[in-house]
N, C-alpha and C. Protein backbone atom coordinates (compact mmCIF):
# COMPACT_ATOMS: atom_id res chain seq x y z
N MET A 1 27.28 -16.15 21.82
CA MET A 1 27.35 -14.88 20.97
C MET A 1 26.12 -14.92 20.41
N ALA A 2 25.09 -13.60 20.74
CA ALA A 2 24.05 -13.56 19.61
C ALA A 2 24.64 -12.87 18.61
N TYR A 3 23.54 -12.90 17.46
CA TYR A 3 23.79 -12.51 16.07
C TYR A 3 24.00 -11.04 16.06
N GLY A 4 24.97 -10.45 15.47
CA GLY A 4 25.02 -8.81 15.28
C GLY A 4 26.11 -8.24 16.75
N THR A 5 26.40 -8.95 17.68
CA THR A 5 26.79 -8.49 18.82
C THR A 5 28.21 -8.71 18.94
N ARG A 6 29.10 -8.10 19.82
CA ARG A 6 30.06 -8.44 20.19
C ARG A 6 30.39 -9.45 21.29
N ARG A 7 31.46 -10.30 21.53
CA ARG A 7 31.27 -11.19 22.55
C ARG A 7 31.31 -10.38 24.01
N GLY A 8 30.28 -10.65 24.80
CA GLY A 8 30.21 -10.09 25.97
C GLY A 8 29.15 -9.02 26.30
N HIS A 9 28.83 -8.59 24.80
CA HIS A 9 27.86 -7.44 24.77
C HIS A 9 26.46 -8.26 24.30
N GLY A 10 25.46 -7.31 24.60
CA GLY A 10 24.07 -7.89 24.12
C GLY A 10 23.19 -6.94 22.96
N PHE A 11 22.16 -6.97 23.00
CA PHE A 11 21.71 -5.87 22.00
C PHE A 11 20.26 -5.41 22.66
N LEU A 12 19.56 -4.52 22.07
CA LEU A 12 18.42 -3.60 22.56
C LEU A 12 17.58 -3.84 21.39
N VAL A 13 16.26 -4.11 21.61
CA VAL A 13 15.15 -4.09 20.47
C VAL A 13 14.24 -2.74 21.37
N ARG A 14 14.19 -1.76 20.56
CA ARG A 14 13.25 -0.74 21.11
C ARG A 14 11.93 -0.52 20.30
N LEU A 15 10.83 -0.38 20.46
CA LEU A 15 9.71 -0.09 20.07
C LEU A 15 9.16 1.21 20.32
N GLU A 16 8.60 2.04 19.12
CA GLU A 16 8.33 3.30 19.58
C GLU A 16 6.99 3.68 18.89
N VAL A 17 5.81 4.41 19.47
CA VAL A 17 4.70 4.61 18.81
C VAL A 17 4.78 5.88 18.92
N GLY A 18 4.37 6.57 17.59
CA GLY A 18 4.29 7.66 17.67
C GLY A 18 3.01 8.45 17.19
N GLY A 19 2.61 9.69 17.66
CA GLY A 19 1.43 10.19 17.84
C GLY A 19 1.08 10.43 16.11
N ASP A 20 1.73 10.20 15.24
CA ASP A 20 1.69 10.29 13.85
C ASP A 20 0.83 8.99 13.15
N GLY A 21 0.77 8.04 14.27
CA GLY A 21 0.45 6.74 13.47
C GLY A 21 1.22 5.71 13.09
N CYS A 22 2.37 6.12 13.33
CA CYS A 22 3.42 5.03 12.98
C CYS A 22 4.14 4.31 13.92
N VAL A 23 4.67 3.17 13.69
CA VAL A 23 5.34 2.44 14.75
C VAL A 23 6.80 2.22 14.22
N ARG A 24 7.70 2.43 15.12
CA ARG A 24 9.33 2.30 14.83
C ARG A 24 9.75 1.21 15.57
N VAL A 25 10.38 0.41 14.73
CA VAL A 25 11.13 -0.61 15.64
C VAL A 25 12.51 -0.70 15.48
N GLU A 26 13.31 -0.77 16.40
CA GLU A 26 14.69 -0.37 16.41
C GLU A 26 15.41 -1.71 16.89
N VAL A 27 16.37 -2.28 16.47
CA VAL A 27 17.55 -3.20 16.81
C VAL A 27 18.87 -2.68 17.10
N HIS A 28 19.21 -2.25 18.11
CA HIS A 28 20.50 -1.94 18.28
C HIS A 28 21.59 -3.00 18.74
N ASP A 29 22.90 -2.75 18.23
CA ASP A 29 23.60 -4.11 18.44
C ASP A 29 25.28 -3.66 18.53
N SER A 30 26.15 -4.41 19.07
CA SER A 30 27.39 -3.79 19.11
C SER A 30 28.39 -3.98 17.86
N ARG A 31 27.81 -4.39 16.95
CA ARG A 31 28.78 -4.90 15.69
C ARG A 31 28.57 -3.43 14.39
N GLY A 32 29.62 -3.17 13.93
CA GLY A 32 29.46 -2.12 12.96
C GLY A 32 30.52 -2.04 12.34
N GLU A 33 30.53 -0.93 11.19
CA GLU A 33 31.39 -1.01 9.68
C GLU A 33 32.83 -0.71 10.56
N GLU A 34 32.89 -0.28 11.66
CA GLU A 34 34.47 0.10 12.29
C GLU A 34 35.31 -1.07 12.42
N GLU A 35 34.50 -2.32 12.70
CA GLU A 35 34.96 -3.64 12.71
C GLU A 35 35.40 -4.28 11.19
N GLY A 36 35.01 -3.75 10.25
CA GLY A 36 35.19 -4.12 8.84
C GLY A 36 33.77 -4.97 8.39
N GLU A 37 32.96 -4.93 9.15
CA GLU A 37 31.51 -5.47 8.87
C GLU A 37 30.76 -4.78 7.85
N ARG A 38 29.92 -5.85 6.83
CA ARG A 38 29.55 -4.99 5.83
C ARG A 38 28.20 -4.34 6.45
N ARG A 39 27.59 -3.35 5.91
CA ARG A 39 26.26 -2.74 6.32
C ARG A 39 25.06 -3.65 5.76
N PRO A 40 24.27 -3.95 6.97
CA PRO A 40 23.24 -4.91 6.47
C PRO A 40 22.56 -4.60 5.23
N ARG A 41 21.92 -5.35 4.40
CA ARG A 41 21.61 -5.19 3.10
C ARG A 41 20.47 -6.28 2.76
N VAL A 42 19.44 -5.85 1.87
CA VAL A 42 18.64 -7.04 1.46
C VAL A 42 19.24 -7.77 0.66
N CYS A 43 19.14 -9.15 0.78
CA CYS A 43 19.76 -10.21 0.02
C CYS A 43 18.79 -10.81 -0.79
N GLU A 44 19.23 -11.72 -1.99
CA GLU A 44 18.45 -12.41 -3.08
C GLU A 44 19.00 -13.85 -2.71
N PRO A 45 18.52 -14.55 -1.46
CA PRO A 45 18.99 -15.97 -0.91
C PRO A 45 18.37 -17.05 -2.22
N GLY A 46 19.14 -18.10 -2.25
CA GLY A 46 18.47 -19.15 -3.22
C GLY A 46 17.38 -20.01 -2.49
N ALA A 47 17.02 -20.81 -3.03
CA ALA A 47 15.90 -21.54 -2.41
C ALA A 47 16.55 -22.35 -1.25
N ALA A 48 17.74 -23.08 -1.29
CA ALA A 48 18.28 -23.52 -0.62
C ALA A 48 19.10 -22.90 0.76
N ASP A 49 19.22 -21.58 0.56
CA ASP A 49 19.95 -20.99 1.52
C ASP A 49 19.27 -20.60 2.62
N VAL A 50 20.07 -20.93 4.10
CA VAL A 50 19.26 -21.14 5.13
C VAL A 50 19.50 -19.65 6.07
N ARG A 51 20.06 -18.69 5.16
CA ARG A 51 20.32 -17.49 5.73
C ARG A 51 19.76 -16.40 4.76
N GLY A 52 19.64 -14.97 4.92
CA GLY A 52 19.51 -14.06 4.24
C GLY A 52 18.32 -13.33 3.74
N ARG A 53 17.30 -13.72 4.64
CA ARG A 53 15.94 -13.43 4.34
C ARG A 53 15.18 -12.43 5.34
N GLY A 54 16.19 -11.98 6.44
CA GLY A 54 15.54 -11.05 7.63
C GLY A 54 15.22 -9.64 6.90
N LEU A 55 16.01 -8.76 6.25
CA LEU A 55 15.86 -7.74 5.50
C LEU A 55 14.85 -7.97 4.59
N LEU A 56 14.96 -9.22 3.60
CA LEU A 56 14.13 -9.02 2.59
C LEU A 56 12.48 -8.85 3.04
N ILE A 57 12.39 -9.65 4.40
CA ILE A 57 10.99 -9.76 4.98
C ILE A 57 10.52 -8.26 5.51
N VAL A 58 11.66 -7.83 6.06
CA VAL A 58 11.35 -6.41 6.88
C VAL A 58 11.23 -5.31 5.45
N ALA A 59 11.88 -5.66 4.37
CA ALA A 59 11.96 -4.66 3.33
C ALA A 59 10.27 -4.65 2.49
N ALA A 60 9.79 -5.83 2.66
CA ALA A 60 8.57 -6.13 2.01
C ALA A 60 7.46 -5.52 2.87
N LEU A 61 7.69 -5.66 4.35
CA LEU A 61 6.47 -5.56 4.89
C LEU A 61 6.37 -3.99 5.63
N ALA A 62 7.73 -3.34 5.50
CA ALA A 62 7.68 -2.09 6.44
C ALA A 62 7.25 -0.87 5.30
N ASP A 63 7.18 0.52 5.64
CA ASP A 63 6.77 1.33 4.88
C ASP A 63 8.02 2.13 4.84
N GLY A 64 9.37 1.77 5.49
CA GLY A 64 10.74 2.26 5.50
C GLY A 64 11.51 1.42 6.02
N TRP A 65 12.80 1.47 6.20
CA TRP A 65 13.87 1.05 6.98
C TRP A 65 15.00 1.57 6.51
N GLY A 66 16.30 1.48 7.49
CA GLY A 66 17.35 1.90 7.31
C GLY A 66 18.34 1.59 8.18
N VAL A 67 19.77 1.81 8.41
CA VAL A 67 20.68 1.50 9.19
C VAL A 67 21.37 2.85 9.62
N GLU A 68 21.66 2.96 10.84
CA GLU A 68 22.50 4.11 11.44
C GLU A 68 23.66 3.60 12.21
N GLY A 69 24.52 4.22 12.35
CA GLY A 69 25.58 4.18 13.41
C GLY A 69 25.08 4.13 14.81
N ARG A 70 25.81 3.86 15.51
CA ARG A 70 25.28 3.98 17.13
C ARG A 70 26.57 4.25 17.67
N GLU A 71 26.61 5.04 18.79
CA GLU A 71 27.72 5.49 19.52
C GLU A 71 27.70 5.12 20.82
N PRO A 72 28.65 4.41 21.50
CA PRO A 72 30.15 4.51 20.94
C PRO A 72 30.55 3.64 19.90
N PHE A 73 29.60 2.49 19.69
CA PHE A 73 30.12 1.60 18.49
C PHE A 73 28.73 0.89 18.37
N GLY A 74 28.84 0.35 17.14
CA GLY A 74 27.59 -0.46 16.71
C GLY A 74 26.67 0.12 15.95
N LYS A 75 25.58 -0.43 15.59
CA LYS A 75 24.76 0.05 14.66
C LYS A 75 23.26 -0.14 15.31
N VAL A 76 22.12 0.65 14.66
CA VAL A 76 20.95 0.40 14.60
C VAL A 76 19.95 0.23 13.56
N VAL A 77 19.55 -0.89 13.34
CA VAL A 77 18.61 -1.16 12.02
C VAL A 77 17.29 -0.83 12.79
N TRP A 78 16.76 -0.08 11.66
CA TRP A 78 15.21 0.36 12.26
C TRP A 78 14.08 0.10 10.91
N ALA A 79 13.13 0.15 11.55
CA ALA A 79 11.91 -0.41 10.56
C ALA A 79 10.88 0.70 10.90
N ARG A 80 9.86 1.35 9.81
CA ARG A 80 8.91 2.33 10.37
C ARG A 80 7.58 1.35 9.59
N PHE A 81 6.51 1.40 10.50
CA PHE A 81 5.35 0.92 9.71
C PHE A 81 3.93 1.96 10.09
N ASP A 82 3.51 2.47 9.11
CA ASP A 82 2.50 3.44 9.20
C ASP A 82 1.19 2.25 9.45
N VAL A 83 0.81 2.62 10.45
CA VAL A 83 -0.51 1.47 11.13
C VAL A 83 -2.00 2.54 10.98
N MET A 84 -1.67 3.76 10.82
CA MET A 84 -3.08 4.43 10.74
C MET A 84 -3.02 5.25 9.36
N GLY A 85 -4.08 5.30 8.82
CA GLY A 85 -3.89 5.86 7.11
C GLY A 85 -4.68 6.98 6.82
């Protein structure tokens, strides 16, 4: 089972380059709040923790990020990068 997915389901990574000089990266998966899962959030891992740095890195590098519901189930975690200034 891949991280963030239901057994037997995959995930999708989508990259969109906008005419406004922004790049949007989306990761769609099949797990969501309807299963009692917590919404992804930035953590403050300890030095010895082996997990919890993914969104911390995204938040530090991206110009914006968020989490949205996905139909019929699951979620989309996205990040926006302004590449033209």
